[in-house]
Amino acid sequence: MITAPKAEVLQGTLDLLVLKTLDTLGPLHGFGIARRIQQVSNDALLLNQGTLYPALVRLEQRGWIRSKWGVSDNNRRARFYSLTKAGQKHLTAEAQSWERMASIITRVLAGAEEA
């Protein structure tokens, strides 16, 4: 999934990262999505094709992203992905859920240190 031992990303978390990347930057091809996640994570998350492309297919099947063929910056044919309205709605809900869960985990970890 991710280059170990740096980090592991659960399927739902990868979906959230992809949706947020498309929300922030607009339409991108798969390599562009992977590079952006790598950049924003300061090289902690290195996505390979075997991880990213199944996620893109899954997101498209769920109607959260759409794709169309285009030409990349290096003049190669590439599939570009963009966020749908349903994807935007899902992103908003999942981001809120993620924030709640992260807060809960932070509280539990802080409490565990005090015990």
C-alpha atoms as a PDB file:
ATOM      1  CA  MET A   1       0.000   0.000   0.000  1.00  0.00           C
ATOM      2  CA  ILE A   2       2.358   2.685   1.275  1.00  0.00           C
ATOM      3  CA  THR A   3       6.103   2.365   1.296  1.00  0.00           C
ATOM      4  CA  ALA A   4       6.763   0.680   4.634  1.00  0.00           C
ATOM      5  CA  PRO A   5       7.875   1.281   7.318  1.00  0.00           C
ATOM      6  CA  LYS A   6       7.058   4.991   6.896  1.00  0.00           C
ATOM      7  CA  ALA A   7       3.267   4.717   7.147  1.00  0.00           C
ATOM      8  CA  GLU A   8       0.224   2.651   6.361  1.00  0.00           C
ATOM      9  CA  VAL A   9      -3.032   4.131   5.164  1.00  0.00           C
ATOM     10  CA  LEU A  10      -6.373   2.399   5.581  1.00  0.00           C
ATOM     11  CA  GLN A  11      -8.668   2.185   2.541  1.00  0.00           C
ATOM     12  CA  GLY A  12     -11.132   4.813   3.811  1.00  0.00           C
ATOM     13  CA  THR A  13      -8.287   7.145   4.689  1.00  0.00           C
ATOM     14  CA  LEU A  14      -6.806   6.814   1.202  1.00  0.00           C
ATOM     15  CA  ASP A  15     -10.218   7.642  -0.245  1.00  0.00           C
ATOM     16  CA  LEU A  16     -10.369  10.747   1.938  1.00  0.00           C
ATOM     17  CA  LEU A  17      -6.876  11.835   0.857  1.00  0.00           C
ATOM     18  CA  VAL A  18      -7.718  11.393  -2.832  1.00  0.00           C
ATOM     19  CA  LEU A  19     -11.023  13.259  -2.530  1.00  0.00           C
ATOM     20  CA  LYS A  20      -9.389  16.119  -0.626  1.00  0.00           C
ATOM     21  CA  THR A  21      -6.597  16.350  -3.187  1.00  0.00           C
ATOM     22  CA  LEU A  22      -9.098  16.632  -6.044  1.00  0.00           C
ATOM     23  CA  ASP A  23     -11.150  19.133  -4.032  1.00  0.00           C
ATOM     24  CA  THR A  24      -8.081  21.294  -3.468  1.00  0.00           C
ATOM     25  CA  LEU A  25      -6.413  21.118  -6.886  1.00  0.00           C
ATOM     26  CA  GLY A  26      -9.189  20.209  -9.295  1.00  0.00           C
ATOM     27  CA  PRO A  27      -8.842  17.564 -12.018  1.00  0.00           C
ATOM     28  CA  LEU A  28      -5.627  15.536 -11.877  1.00  0.00           C
ATOM     29  CA  HIS A  29      -4.268  12.322 -13.348  1.00  0.00           C
ATOM     30  CA  GLY A  30      -3.294   9.483 -11.038  1.00  0.00           C
ATOM     31  CA  PHE A  31       0.395  10.343 -10.951  1.00  0.00           C
ATOM     32  CA  GLY A  32      -0.466  13.943 -10.064  1.00  0.00           C
ATOM     33  CA  ILE A  33      -2.675  12.783  -7.197  1.00  0.00           C
ATOM     34  CA  ALA A  34       0.076  10.504  -5.858  1.00  0.00           C
ATOM     35  CA  ARG A  35       2.703  13.245  -6.133  1.00  0.00           C
ATOM     36  CA  ARG A  36       0.517  15.787  -4.332  1.00  0.00           C
ATOM     37  CA  ILE A  37      -0.177  13.420  -1.446  1.00  0.00           C
ATOM     38  CA  GLN A  38       3.539  12.654  -1.256  1.00  0.00           C
ATOM     39  CA  GLN A  39       4.415  16.378  -1.243  1.00  0.00           C
ATOM     40  CA  VAL A  40       1.833  17.385   1.353  1.00  0.00           C
ATOM     41  CA  SER A  41       2.887  14.494   3.611  1.00  0.00           C
ATOM     42  CA  ASN A  42       6.564  15.502   3.316  1.00  0.00           C
ATOM     43  CA  ASP A  43       7.337  12.178   1.624  1.00  0.00           C
ATOM     44  CA  ALA A  44       5.780  10.137   4.463  1.00  0.00           C
ATOM     45  CA  LEU A  45       3.104   8.701   2.140  1.00  0.00           C
ATOM     46  CA  LEU A  46       4.387   7.160  -1.077  1.00  0.00           C
ATOM     47  CA  LEU A  47       1.507   5.692  -3.055  1.00  0.00           C
ATOM     48  CA  ASN A  48       2.200   3.035  -5.646  1.00  0.00           C
ATOM     49  CA  GLN A  49       0.011   2.262  -8.661  1.00  0.00           C
ATOM     50  CA  GLY A  50      -1.240  -0.958  -7.110  1.00  0.00           C
ATOM     51  CA  THR A  51      -2.707   1.056  -4.245  1.00  0.00           C
ATOM     52  CA  LEU A  52      -3.876   4.222  -5.951  1.00  0.00           C
ATOM     53  CA  TYR A  53      -5.533   2.962  -9.120  1.00  0.00           C
ATOM     54  CA  PRO A  54      -7.863   0.452  -7.418  1.00  0.00           C
ATOM     55  CA  ALA A  55      -8.901   3.299  -5.088  1.00  0.00           C
ATOM     56  CA  LEU A  56      -9.633   5.534  -8.096  1.00  0.00           C
ATOM     57  CA  VAL A  57     -11.753   2.802  -9.685  1.00  0.00           C
ATOM     58  CA  ARG A  58     -13.622   2.275  -6.407  1.00  0.00           C
ATOM     59  CA  LEU A  59     -14.261   6.016  -5.981  1.00  0.00           C
ATOM     60  CA  GLU A  60     -15.519   6.283  -9.545  1.00  0.00           C
ATOM     61  CA  GLN A  61     -17.817   3.283  -9.101  1.00  0.00           C
ATOM     62  CA  ARG A  62     -19.295   4.934  -6.013  1.00  0.00           C
ATOM     63  CA  GLY A  63     -19.944   8.109  -7.990  1.00  0.00           C
ATOM     64  CA  TRP A  64     -17.619  10.273  -5.900  1.00  0.00           C
ATOM     65  CA  ILE A  65     -15.246  11.035  -8.766  1.00  0.00           C
ATOM     66  CA  ARG A  66     -15.496  10.999 -12.557  1.00  0.00           C
ATOM     67  CA  SER A  67     -12.782  10.550 -15.127  1.00  0.00           C
ATOM     68  CA  LYS A  68     -12.051  11.529 -18.685  1.00  0.00           C
ATOM     69  CA  TRP A  69      -9.116  11.108 -21.009  1.00  0.00           C
ATOM     70  CA  GLY A  70      -6.817  14.029 -21.636  1.00  0.00           C
ATOM     71  CA  VAL A  71      -3.196  14.929 -22.272  1.00  0.00           C
ATOM     72  CA  SER A  72      -0.723  15.362 -19.398  1.00  0.00           C
ATOM     73  CA  ASP A  73       1.955  18.049 -19.079  1.00  0.00           C
ATOM     74  CA  ASN A  74       4.505  15.730 -20.684  1.00  0.00           C
ATOM     75  CA  ASN A  75       2.185  15.246 -23.677  1.00  0.00           C
ATOM     76  CA  ARG A  76       1.052  11.740 -22.763  1.00  0.00           C
ATOM     77  CA  ARG A  77      -2.481  10.451 -22.819  1.00  0.00           C
ATOM     78  CA  ALA A  78      -3.786  10.196 -19.244  1.00  0.00           C
ATOM     79  CA  ARG A  79      -7.046   9.724 -17.388  1.00  0.00           C
ATOM     80  CA  PHE A  80      -7.948  12.821 -15.374  1.00  0.00           C
ATOM     81  CA  TYR A  81     -10.096  12.512 -12.270  1.00  0.00           C
ATOM     82  CA  SER A  82     -12.398  15.144 -10.792  1.00  0.00           C
ATOM     83  CA  LEU A  83     -14.691  15.366  -7.793  1.00  0.00           C
ATOM     84  CA  THR A  84     -18.462  15.027  -8.278  1.00  0.00           C
ATOM     85  CA  LYS A  85     -21.134  16.736  -6.167  1.00  0.00           C
ATOM     86  CA  ALA A  86     -21.717  13.420  -4.407  1.00  0.00           C
ATOM     87  CA  GLY A  87     -17.965  13.194  -3.806  1.00  0.00           C
ATOM     88  CA  GLN A  88     -17.915  16.689  -2.316  1.00  0.00           C
ATOM     89  CA  LYS A  89     -20.753  15.744   0.025  1.00  0.00           C
ATOM     90  CA  HIS A  90     -19.001  12.519   1.033  1.00  0.00           C
ATOM     91  CA  LEU A  91     -15.717  14.382   1.561  1.00  0.00           C
ATOM     92  CA  THR A  92     -17.382  16.867   3.911  1.00  0.00           C
ATOM     93  CA  ALA A  93     -18.996  14.111   5.970  1.00  0.00           C
ATOM     94  CA  GLU A  94     -15.875  11.944   6.087  1.00  0.00           C
ATOM     95  CA  ALA A  95     -13.602  14.865   7.004  1.00  0.00           C
ATOM     96  CA  GLN A  96     -15.879  15.701   9.943  1.00  0.00           C
ATOM     97  CA  SER A  97     -15.918  12.060  11.001  1.00  0.00           C
ATOM     98  CA  TRP A  98     -12.124  11.876  10.728  1.00  0.00           C
ATOM     99  CA  GLU A  99     -11.707  15.003  12.878  1.00  0.00           C
ATOM    100  CA  ARG A 100     -14.022  13.560  15.563  1.00  0.00           C
ATOM    101  CA  MET A 101     -12.190  10.224  15.578  1.00  0.00           C
ATOM    102  CA  ALA A 102      -8.745  11.865  15.668  1.00  0.00           C
ATOM    103  CA  SER A 103      -9.870  13.966  18.628  1.00  0.00           C
ATOM    104  CA  ILE A 104     -11.146  10.884  20.463  1.00  0.00           C
ATOM    105  CA  ILE A 105      -7.932   8.960  19.819  1.00  0.00           C
ATOM    106  CA  THR A 106      -5.860  11.936  20.989  1.00  0.00           C
ATOM    107  CA  ARG A 107      -7.870  12.090  24.242  1.00  0.00           C
ATOM    108  CA  VAL A 108      -7.512   8.353  24.819  1.00  0.00           C
ATOM    109  CA  LEU A 109      -3.766   8.435  24.195  1.00  0.00           C
ATOM    110  CA  ALA A 110      -3.335  11.431  26.501  1.00  0.00           C
ATOM    111  CA  GLY A 111      -5.378   9.668  29.175  1.00  0.00           C
ATOM    112  CA  ALA A 112      -3.355   6.500  28.802  1.00  0.00           C
ATOM    113  CA  GLU A 113      -0.153   8.433  29.513  1.00  0.00           C
ATOM    114  CA  GLU A 114      -1.624   9.880  32.718  1.00  0.00           C
ATOM    115  CA  ALA A 115      -2.636   6.502  34.125  1.00  0.00           C
END
